[in-house]
Amino acid sequence: MQIAMEAIIPITEATKSFKSACDKTKTLGTTFIFKNNRPDIVMMDIDRYKQFQSVLEDMEHSEIAAMVAERKAGDNGKRYSMDEVIG
């Protein structure tokens, strides 16, 4: 994962000036809070977060559609009653 230098906020800076961290996040869309020189927290503007969620939902819908198509392709037409399944 590559992180642009301007998107990195040390945790001490974020703690001392949370408003500044929020402003930077609004400007960049996403920032990364580093703790002990490692990424620890991701901050994301709400509009960017909504876009991210939308993409994830679209991916999930695509995966479900692919599973349904695969199951339909392998359907032999045989059906089982509840008694057969449980029994």
PDB file of N, CA and C in Angstrom:
ATOM      1  N   MET A   1       0.857  -1.176   0.000  1.00  0.00           N
ATOM      2  CA  MET A   1       0.000   0.000   0.000  1.00  0.00           C
ATOM      3  C   MET A   1       0.895   1.230   0.000  1.00  0.00           C
ATOM      4  N   GLN A   2       0.656   2.102  -0.934  1.00  0.00           N
ATOM      5  CA  GLN A   2       1.402   3.352  -0.985  1.00  0.00           C
ATOM      6  C   GLN A   2       0.524   4.471  -0.426  1.00  0.00           C
ATOM      7  N   ILE A   3       1.119   5.271   0.435  1.00  0.00           N
ATOM      8  CA  ILE A   3       0.410   6.388   1.060  1.00  0.00           C
ATOM      9  C   ILE A   3       1.177   7.659   0.734  1.00  0.00           C
ATOM     10  N   ALA A   4       0.481   8.642   0.200  1.00  0.00           N
ATOM     11  CA  ALA A   4       1.114   9.922  -0.105  1.00  0.00           C
ATOM     12  C   ALA A   4       1.535  10.604   1.195  1.00  0.00           C
ATOM     13  N   MET A   5       2.702  11.193   1.178  1.00  0.00           N
ATOM     14  CA  MET A   5       3.238  11.847   2.374  1.00  0.00           C
ATOM     15  C   MET A   5       2.283  12.886   2.948  1.00  0.00           C
ATOM     16  N   GLU A   6       1.610  13.624   2.063  1.00  0.00           N
ATOM     17  CA  GLU A   6       0.713  14.682   2.563  1.00  0.00           C
ATOM     18  C   GLU A   6      -0.530  14.121   3.260  1.00  0.00           C
ATOM     19  N   ALA A   7      -0.800  12.836   3.062  1.00  0.00           N
ATOM     20  CA  ALA A   7      -1.972  12.210   3.688  1.00  0.00           C
ATOM     21  C   ALA A   7      -1.652  11.598   5.051  1.00  0.00           C
ATOM     22  N   ILE A   8      -0.394  11.668   5.476  1.00  0.00           N
ATOM     23  CA  ILE A   8       0.023  11.096   6.757  1.00  0.00           C
ATOM     24  C   ILE A   8      -0.085  12.150   7.856  1.00  0.00           C
ATOM     25  N   ILE A   9      -0.717  11.751   8.948  1.00  0.00           N
ATOM     26  CA  ILE A   9      -0.815  12.619  10.126  1.00  0.00           C
ATOM     27  C   ILE A   9      -0.318  11.809  11.321  1.00  0.00           C
ATOM     28  N   PRO A  10       0.739  12.286  11.975  1.00  0.00           N
ATOM     29  CA  PRO A  10       1.183  11.588  13.186  1.00  0.00           C
ATOM     30  C   PRO A  10       0.100  11.654  14.264  1.00  0.00           C
ATOM     31  N   ILE A  11      -0.006  10.614  15.056  1.00  0.00           N
ATOM     32  CA  ILE A  11      -1.066  10.560  16.061  1.00  0.00           C
ATOM     33  C   ILE A  11      -0.957  11.710  17.060  1.00  0.00           C
ATOM     34  N   THR A  12       0.256  12.136  17.363  1.00  0.00           N
ATOM     35  CA  THR A  12       0.403  13.254  18.303  1.00  0.00           C
ATOM     36  C   THR A  12      -0.192  14.538  17.722  1.00  0.00           C
ATOM     37  N   GLU A  13       0.007  14.747  16.429  1.00  0.00           N
ATOM     38  CA  GLU A  13      -0.575  15.920  15.757  1.00  0.00           C
ATOM     39  C   GLU A  13      -2.090  15.820  15.718  1.00  0.00           C
ATOM     40  N   ALA A  14      -2.610  14.629  15.416  1.00  0.00           N
ATOM     41  CA  ALA A  14      -4.056  14.429  15.364  1.00  0.00           C
ATOM     42  C   ALA A  14      -4.681  14.649  16.738  1.00  0.00           C
ATOM     43  N   THR A  15      -3.984  14.231  17.780  1.00  0.00           N
ATOM     44  CA  THR A  15      -4.480  14.404  19.146  1.00  0.00           C
ATOM     45  C   THR A  15      -4.471  15.869  19.552  1.00  0.00           C
ATOM     46  N   LYS A  16      -3.389  16.563  19.232  1.00  0.00           N
ATOM     47  CA  LYS A  16      -3.260  17.971  19.618  1.00  0.00           C
ATOM     48  C   LYS A  16      -4.198  18.875  18.830  1.00  0.00           C
ATOM     49  N   SER A  17      -4.402  18.542  17.554  1.00  0.00           N
ATOM     50  CA  SER A  17      -5.222  19.407  16.713  1.00  0.00           C
ATOM     51  C   SER A  17      -6.142  18.564  15.832  1.00  0.00           C
ATOM     52  N   PHE A  18      -7.180  18.040  16.465  1.00  0.00           N
ATOM     53  CA  PHE A  18      -8.117  17.189  15.737  1.00  0.00           C
ATOM     54  C   PHE A  18      -8.805  17.952  14.607  1.00  0.00           C
ATOM     55  N   LYS A  19      -9.125  19.220  14.837  1.00  0.00           N
ATOM     56  CA  LYS A  19      -9.773  20.024  13.799  1.00  0.00           C
ATOM     57  C   LYS A  19      -8.881  20.135  12.569  1.00  0.00           C
ATOM     58  N   SER A  20      -7.599  20.320  12.773  1.00  0.00           N
ATOM     59  CA  SER A  20      -6.667  20.403  11.656  1.00  0.00           C
ATOM     60  C   SER A  20      -6.630  19.079  10.884  1.00  0.00           C
ATOM     61  N   ALA A  21      -6.641  17.962  11.617  1.00  0.00           N
ATOM     62  CA  ALA A  21      -6.664  16.646  10.976  1.00  0.00           C
ATOM     63  C   ALA A  21      -7.941  16.468  10.167  1.00  0.00           C
ATOM     64  N   CYS A  22      -9.051  16.926  10.720  1.00  0.00           N
ATOM     65  CA  CYS A  22     -10.331  16.835  10.000  1.00  0.00           C
ATOM     66  C   CYS A  22     -10.329  17.697   8.747  1.00  0.00           C
ATOM     67  N   ASP A  23      -9.789  18.895   8.861  1.00  0.00           N
ATOM     68  CA  ASP A  23      -9.710  19.786   7.697  1.00  0.00           C
ATOM     69  C   ASP A  23      -8.854  19.172   6.594  1.00  0.00           C
ATOM     70  N   LYS A  24      -7.743  18.575   6.988  1.00  0.00           N
ATOM     71  CA  LYS A  24      -6.864  17.923   6.015  1.00  0.00           C
ATOM     72  C   LYS A  24      -7.589  16.758   5.349  1.00  0.00           C
ATOM     73  N   THR A  25      -8.347  16.017   6.134  1.00  0.00           N
ATOM     74  CA  THR A  25      -9.106  14.886   5.596  1.00  0.00           C
ATOM     75  C   THR A  25     -10.163  15.377   4.612  1.00  0.00           C
ATOM     76  N   LYS A  26     -10.847  16.466   4.948  1.00  0.00           N
ATOM     77  CA  LYS A  26     -11.846  17.042   4.029  1.00  0.00           C
ATOM     78  C   LYS A  26     -11.200  17.419   2.703  1.00  0.00           C
ATOM     79  N   THR A  27     -10.012  17.994   2.773  1.00  0.00           N
ATOM     80  CA  THR A  27      -9.309  18.434   1.567  1.00  0.00           C
ATOM     81  C   THR A  27      -8.834  17.252   0.720  1.00  0.00           C
ATOM     82  N   LEU A  28      -8.236  16.268   1.383  1.00  0.00           N
ATOM     83  CA  LEU A  28      -7.641  15.141   0.647  1.00  0.00           C
ATOM     84  C   LEU A  28      -8.613  13.990   0.392  1.00  0.00           C
ATOM     85  N   GLY A  29      -9.671  13.914   1.186  1.00  0.00           N
ATOM     86  CA  GLY A  29     -10.622  12.811   1.047  1.00  0.00           C
ATOM     87  C   GLY A  29     -10.330  11.683   2.009  1.00  0.00           C
ATOM     88  N   THR A  30      -9.046  11.346   2.177  1.00  0.00           N
ATOM     89  CA  THR A  30      -8.625  10.289   3.085  1.00  0.00           C
ATOM     90  C   THR A  30      -7.273  10.655   3.683  1.00  0.00           C
ATOM     91  N   THR A  31      -7.145  10.435   4.986  1.00  0.00           N
ATOM     92  CA  THR A  31      -5.850  10.618   5.640  1.00  0.00           C
ATOM     93  C   THR A  31      -5.557   9.385   6.492  1.00  0.00           C
ATOM     94  N   PHE A  32      -4.285   9.246   6.846  1.00  0.00           N
ATOM     95  CA  PHE A  32      -3.840   8.087   7.610  1.00  0.00           C
ATOM     96  C   PHE A  32      -3.155   8.571   8.878  1.00  0.00           C
ATOM     97  N   ILE A  33      -3.663   8.122  10.011  1.00  0.00           N
ATOM     98  CA  ILE A  33      -3.064   8.464  11.293  1.00  0.00           C
ATOM     99  C   ILE A  33      -1.994   7.406  11.575  1.00  0.00           C
ATOM    100  N   PHE A  34      -0.762   7.859  11.772  1.00  0.00           N
ATOM    101  CA  PHE A  34       0.349   6.957  12.046  1.00  0.00           C
ATOM    102  C   PHE A  34       0.662   6.948  13.536  1.00  0.00           C
ATOM    103  N   LYS A  35       0.886   5.758  14.053  1.00  0.00           N
ATOM    104  CA  LYS A  35       1.303   5.576  15.439  1.00  0.00           C
ATOM    105  C   LYS A  35       2.560   4.715  15.410  1.00  0.00           C
ATOM    106  N   ASN A  36       3.617   5.175  16.040  1.00  0.00           N
ATOM    107  CA  ASN A  36       4.905   4.468  16.030  1.00  0.00           C
ATOM    108  C   ASN A  36       5.386   4.191  14.600  1.00  0.00           C
ATOM    109  N   ASN A  37       5.241   5.196  13.752  1.00  0.00           N
ATOM    110  CA  ASN A  37       5.694   5.145  12.354  1.00  0.00           C
ATOM    111  C   ASN A  37       4.993   4.092  11.499  1.00  0.00           C
ATOM    112  N   ARG A  38       3.791   3.705  11.908  1.00  0.00           N
ATOM    113  CA  ARG A  38       3.003   2.742  11.136  1.00  0.00           C
ATOM    114  C   ARG A  38       1.570   3.236  11.007  1.00  0.00           C
ATOM    115  N   PRO A  39       0.909   2.923   9.875  1.00  0.00           N
ATOM    116  CA  PRO A  39      -0.502   3.315   9.748  1.00  0.00           C
ATOM    117  C   PRO A  39      -1.340   2.622  10.822  1.00  0.00           C
ATOM    118  N   ASP A  40      -2.182   3.401  11.485  1.00  0.00           N
ATOM    119  CA  ASP A  40      -2.988   2.860  12.577  1.00  0.00           C
ATOM    120  C   ASP A  40      -4.480   3.107  12.353  1.00  0.00           C
ATOM    121  N   ILE A  41      -4.810   4.282  11.826  1.00  0.00           N
ATOM    122  CA  ILE A  41      -6.221   4.666  11.646  1.00  0.00           C
ATOM    123  C   ILE A  41      -6.365   5.371  10.301  1.00  0.00           C
ATOM    124  N   VAL A  42      -7.468   5.110   9.627  1.00  0.00           N
ATOM    125  CA  VAL A  42      -7.788   5.814   8.391  1.00  0.00           C
ATOM    126  C   VAL A  42      -8.954   6.750   8.669  1.00  0.00           C
ATOM    127  N   MET A  43      -8.803   7.999   8.277  1.00  0.00           N
ATOM    128  CA  MET A  43      -9.911   8.960   8.364  1.00  0.00           C
ATOM    129  C   MET A  43     -10.378   9.252   6.951  1.00  0.00           C
ATOM    130  N   MET A  44     -11.705   9.293   6.770  1.00  0.00           N
ATOM    131  CA  MET A  44     -12.252   9.458   5.437  1.00  0.00           C
ATOM    132  C   MET A  44     -13.396  10.479   5.468  1.00  0.00           C
ATOM    133  N   ASP A  45     -13.398  11.357   4.483  1.00  0.00           N
ATOM    134  CA  ASP A  45     -14.497  12.290   4.305  1.00  0.00           C
ATOM    135  C   ASP A  45     -15.775  11.500   4.062  1.00  0.00           C
ATOM    136  N   ILE A  46     -16.903  11.971   4.571  1.00  0.00           N
ATOM    137  CA  ILE A  46     -18.161  11.207   4.490  1.00  0.00           C
ATOM    138  C   ILE A  46     -18.579  10.941   3.044  1.00  0.00           C
ATOM    139  N   ASP A  47     -18.367  11.883   2.146  1.00  0.00           N
ATOM    140  CA  ASP A  47     -18.729  11.647   0.743  1.00  0.00           C
ATOM    141  C   ASP A  47     -17.871  10.541   0.134  1.00  0.00           C
ATOM    142  N   ARG A  48     -16.594  10.539   0.478  1.00  0.00           N
ATOM    143  CA  ARG A  48     -15.705   9.482  -0.011  1.00  0.00           C
ATOM    144  C   ARG A  48     -16.109   8.135   0.585  1.00  0.00           C
ATOM    145  N   TYR A  49     -16.485   8.148   1.856  1.00  0.00           N
ATOM    146  CA  TYR A  49     -16.931   6.924   2.520  1.00  0.00           C
ATOM    147  C   TYR A  49     -18.176   6.364   1.832  1.00  0.00           C
ATOM    148  N   LYS A  50     -19.124   7.230   1.492  1.00  0.00           N
ATOM    149  CA  LYS A  50     -20.347   6.787   0.802  1.00  0.00           C
ATOM    150  C   LYS A  50     -20.002   6.164  -0.547  1.00  0.00           C
ATOM    151  N   GLN A  51     -19.055   6.764  -1.270  1.00  0.00           N
ATOM    152  CA  GLN A  51     -18.619   6.195  -2.547  1.00  0.00           C
ATOM    153  C   GLN A  51     -17.991   4.819  -2.333  1.00  0.00           C
ATOM    154  N   PHE A  52     -17.161   4.718  -1.322  1.00  0.00           N
ATOM    155  CA  PHE A  52     -16.501   3.462  -0.978  1.00  0.00           C
ATOM    156  C   PHE A  52     -17.543   2.389  -0.661  1.00  0.00           C
ATOM    157  N   GLN A  53     -18.528   2.714   0.149  1.00  0.00           N
ATOM    158  CA  GLN A  53     -19.591   1.776   0.502  1.00  0.00           C
ATOM    159  C   GLN A  53     -20.373   1.345  -0.737  1.00  0.00           C
ATOM    160  N   SER A  54     -20.639   2.289  -1.622  1.00  0.00           N
ATOM    161  CA  SER A  54     -21.380   1.985  -2.850  1.00  0.00           C
ATOM    162  C   SER A  54     -20.611   0.988  -3.716  1.00  0.00           C
ATOM    163  N   VAL A  55     -19.313   1.181  -3.833  1.00  0.00           N
ATOM    164  CA  VAL A  55     -18.485   0.259  -4.617  1.00  0.00           C
ATOM    165  C   VAL A  55     -18.505  -1.133  -3.983  1.00  0.00           C
ATOM    166  N   LEU A  56     -18.380  -1.191  -2.663  1.00  0.00           N
ATOM    167  CA  LEU A  56     -18.420  -2.485  -1.977  1.00  0.00           C
ATOM    168  C   LEU A  56     -19.755  -3.192  -2.184  1.00  0.00           C
ATOM    169  N   GLU A  57     -20.845  -2.440  -2.106  1.00  0.00           N
ATOM    170  CA  GLU A  57     -22.168  -3.033  -2.325  1.00  0.00           C
ATOM    171  C   GLU A  57     -22.300  -3.549  -3.753  1.00  0.00           C
ATOM    172  N   ASP A  58     -21.808  -2.786  -4.721  1.00  0.00           N
ATOM    173  CA  ASP A  58     -21.849  -3.230  -6.119  1.00  0.00           C
ATOM    174  C   ASP A  58     -21.053  -4.519  -6.309  1.00  0.00           C
ATOM    175  N   MET A  59     -19.888  -4.598  -5.659  1.00  0.00           N
ATOM    176  CA  MET A  59     -19.072  -5.808  -5.756  1.00  0.00           C
ATOM    177  C   MET A  59     -19.805  -6.995  -5.140  1.00  0.00           C
ATOM    178  N   GLU A  60     -20.457  -6.768  -4.016  1.00  0.00           N
ATOM    179  CA  GLU A  60     -21.197  -7.842  -3.360  1.00  0.00           C
ATOM    180  C   GLU A  60     -22.345  -8.323  -4.242  1.00  0.00           C
ATOM    181  N   HIS A  61     -23.068  -7.385  -4.858  1.00  0.00           N
ATOM    182  CA  HIS A  61     -24.177  -7.751  -5.741  1.00  0.00           C
ATOM    183  C   HIS A  61     -23.668  -8.554  -6.945  1.00  0.00           C
ATOM    184  N   SER A  62     -22.513  -8.168  -7.463  1.00  0.00           N
ATOM    185  CA  SER A  62     -21.929  -8.893  -8.594  1.00  0.00           C
ATOM    186  C   SER A  62     -21.557 -10.315  -8.201  1.00  0.00           C
ATOM    187  N   GLU A  63     -20.990 -10.473  -7.003  1.00  0.00           N
ATOM    188  CA  GLU A  63     -20.623 -11.804  -6.524  1.00  0.00           C
ATOM    189  C   GLU A  63     -21.858 -12.675  -6.345  1.00  0.00           C
ATOM    190  N   ILE A  64     -22.928 -12.107  -5.798  1.00  0.00           N
ATOM    191  CA  ILE A  64     -24.171 -12.855  -5.601  1.00  0.00           C
ATOM    192  C   ILE A  64     -24.757 -13.259  -6.955  1.00  0.00           C
ATOM    193  N   ALA A  65     -24.757 -12.320  -7.906  1.00  0.00           N
ATOM    194  CA  ALA A  65     -25.286 -12.625  -9.238  1.00  0.00           C
ATOM    195  C   ALA A  65     -24.483 -13.750  -9.899  1.00  0.00           C
ATOM    196  N   ALA A  66     -23.174 -13.742  -9.717  1.00  0.00           N
ATOM    197  CA  ALA A  66     -22.333 -14.804 -10.287  1.00  0.00           C
ATOM    198  C   ALA A  66     -22.641 -16.148  -9.639  1.00  0.00           C
ATOM    199  N   MET A  67     -22.867 -16.165  -8.331  1.00  0.00           N
ATOM    200  CA  MET A  67     -23.213 -17.416  -7.644  1.00  0.00           C
ATOM    201  C   MET A  67     -24.555 -17.949  -8.123  1.00  0.00           C
ATOM    202  N   VAL A  68     -25.532 -17.066  -8.294  1.00  0.00           N
ATOM    203  CA  VAL A  68     -26.849 -17.482  -8.772  1.00  0.00           C
ATOM    204  C   VAL A  68     -26.731 -18.068 -10.179  1.00  0.00           C
ATOM    205  N   ALA A  69     -25.982 -17.390 -11.045  1.00  0.00           N
ATOM    206  CA  ALA A  69     -25.799 -17.891 -12.416  1.00  0.00           C
ATOM    207  C   ALA A  69     -25.110 -19.256 -12.415  1.00  0.00           C
ATOM    208  N   GLU A  70     -24.112 -19.421 -11.556  1.00  0.00           N
ATOM    209  CA  GLU A  70     -23.395 -20.698 -11.472  1.00  0.00           C
ATOM    210  C   GLU A  70     -24.321 -21.808 -10.998  1.00  0.00           C
ATOM    211  N   ARG A  71     -25.141 -21.506 -10.016  1.00  0.00           N
ATOM    212  CA  ARG A  71     -26.070 -22.517  -9.501  1.00  0.00           C
ATOM    213  C   ARG A  71     -27.141 -22.869 -10.531  1.00  0.00           C
ATOM    214  N   LYS A  72     -27.612 -21.859 -11.261  1.00  0.00           N
ATOM    215  CA  LYS A  72     -28.610 -22.129 -12.312  1.00  0.00           C
ATOM    216  C   LYS A  72     -28.009 -23.008 -13.401  1.00  0.00           C
ATOM    217  N   ALA A  73     -26.762 -22.752 -13.742  1.00  0.00           N
ATOM    218  CA  ALA A  73     -26.100 -23.531 -14.797  1.00  0.00           C
ATOM    219  C   ALA A  73     -25.934 -24.992 -14.385  1.00  0.00           C
ATOM    220  N   GLY A  74     -25.742 -25.244 -13.088  1.00  0.00           N
ATOM    221  CA  GLY A  74     -25.550 -26.605 -12.618  1.00  0.00           C
ATOM    222  C   GLY A  74     -26.815 -27.265 -12.101  1.00  0.00           C
ATOM    223  N   ASP A  75     -27.966 -26.611 -12.290  1.00  0.00           N
ATOM    224  CA  ASP A  75     -29.239 -27.144 -11.787  1.00  0.00           C
ATOM    225  C   ASP A  75     -29.685 -28.321 -12.640  1.00  0.00           C
ATOM    226  N   ASN A  76     -29.875 -29.484 -11.987  1.00  0.00           N
ATOM    227  CA  ASN A  76     -30.324 -30.664 -12.733  1.00  0.00           C
ATOM    228  C   ASN A  76     -31.841 -30.808 -12.712  1.00  0.00           C
ATOM    229  N   GLY A  77     -32.535 -29.883 -12.061  1.00  0.00           N
ATOM    230  CA  GLY A  77     -33.994 -29.906 -12.041  1.00  0.00           C
ATOM    231  C   GLY A  77     -34.590 -30.732 -10.922  1.00  0.00           C
ATOM    232  N   LYS A  78     -33.786 -31.512 -10.239  1.00  0.00           N
ATOM    233  CA  LYS A  78     -34.295 -32.358  -9.163  1.00  0.00           C
ATOM    234  C   LYS A  78     -34.559 -31.508  -7.923  1.00  0.00           C
ATOM    235  N   ARG A  79     -35.714 -31.771  -7.286  1.00  0.00           N
ATOM    236  CA  ARG A  79     -36.087 -31.055  -6.075  1.00  0.00           C
ATOM    237  C   ARG A  79     -36.348 -32.050  -4.972  1.00  0.00           C
ATOM    238  N   TYR A  80     -36.155 -31.624  -3.734  1.00  0.00           N
ATOM    239  CA  TYR A  80     -36.343 -32.507  -2.573  1.00  0.00           C
ATOM    240  C   TYR A  80     -37.377 -31.903  -1.646  1.00  0.00           C
ATOM    241  N   SER A  81     -38.180 -32.785  -1.034  1.00  0.00           N
ATOM    242  CA  SER A  81     -39.154 -32.316  -0.055  1.00  0.00           C
ATOM    243  C   SER A  81     -38.433 -32.097   1.269  1.00  0.00           C
ATOM    244  N   MET A  82     -39.075 -31.384   2.189  1.00  0.00           N
ATOM    245  CA  MET A  82     -38.492 -31.124   3.495  1.00  0.00           C
ATOM    246  C   MET A  82     -38.262 -32.444   4.246  1.00  0.00           C
ATOM    247  N   ASP A  83     -39.206 -33.367   4.102  1.00  0.00           N
ATOM    248  CA  ASP A  83     -39.049 -34.669   4.756  1.00  0.00           C
ATOM    249  C   ASP A  83     -37.818 -35.411   4.260  1.00  0.00           C
ATOM    250  N   GLU A  84     -37.537 -35.322   2.957  1.00  0.00           N
ATOM    251  CA  GLU A  84     -36.355 -35.979   2.405  1.00  0.00           C
ATOM    252  C   GLU A  84     -35.078 -35.335   2.938  1.00  0.00           C
ATOM    253  N   VAL A  85     -35.102 -34.046   3.088  1.00  0.00           N
ATOM    254  CA  VAL A  85     -33.917 -33.335   3.562  1.00  0.00           C
ATOM    255  C   VAL A  85     -33.661 -33.647   5.033  1.00  0.00           C
ATOM    256  N   ILE A  86     -34.714 -33.612   5.856  1.00  0.00           N
ATOM    257  CA  ILE A  86     -34.587 -33.812   7.296  1.00  0.00           C
ATOM    258  C   ILE A  86     -34.413 -35.292   7.625  1.00  0.00           C
ATOM    259  N   GLY A  87     -35.185 -36.143   6.943  1.00  0.00           N
ATOM    260  CA  GLY A  87     -35.296 -37.548   7.247  1.00  0.00           C
ATOM    261  C   GLY A  87     -34.099 -38.344   7.159  1.00  0.00           C
TER     262      GLY A  87
END
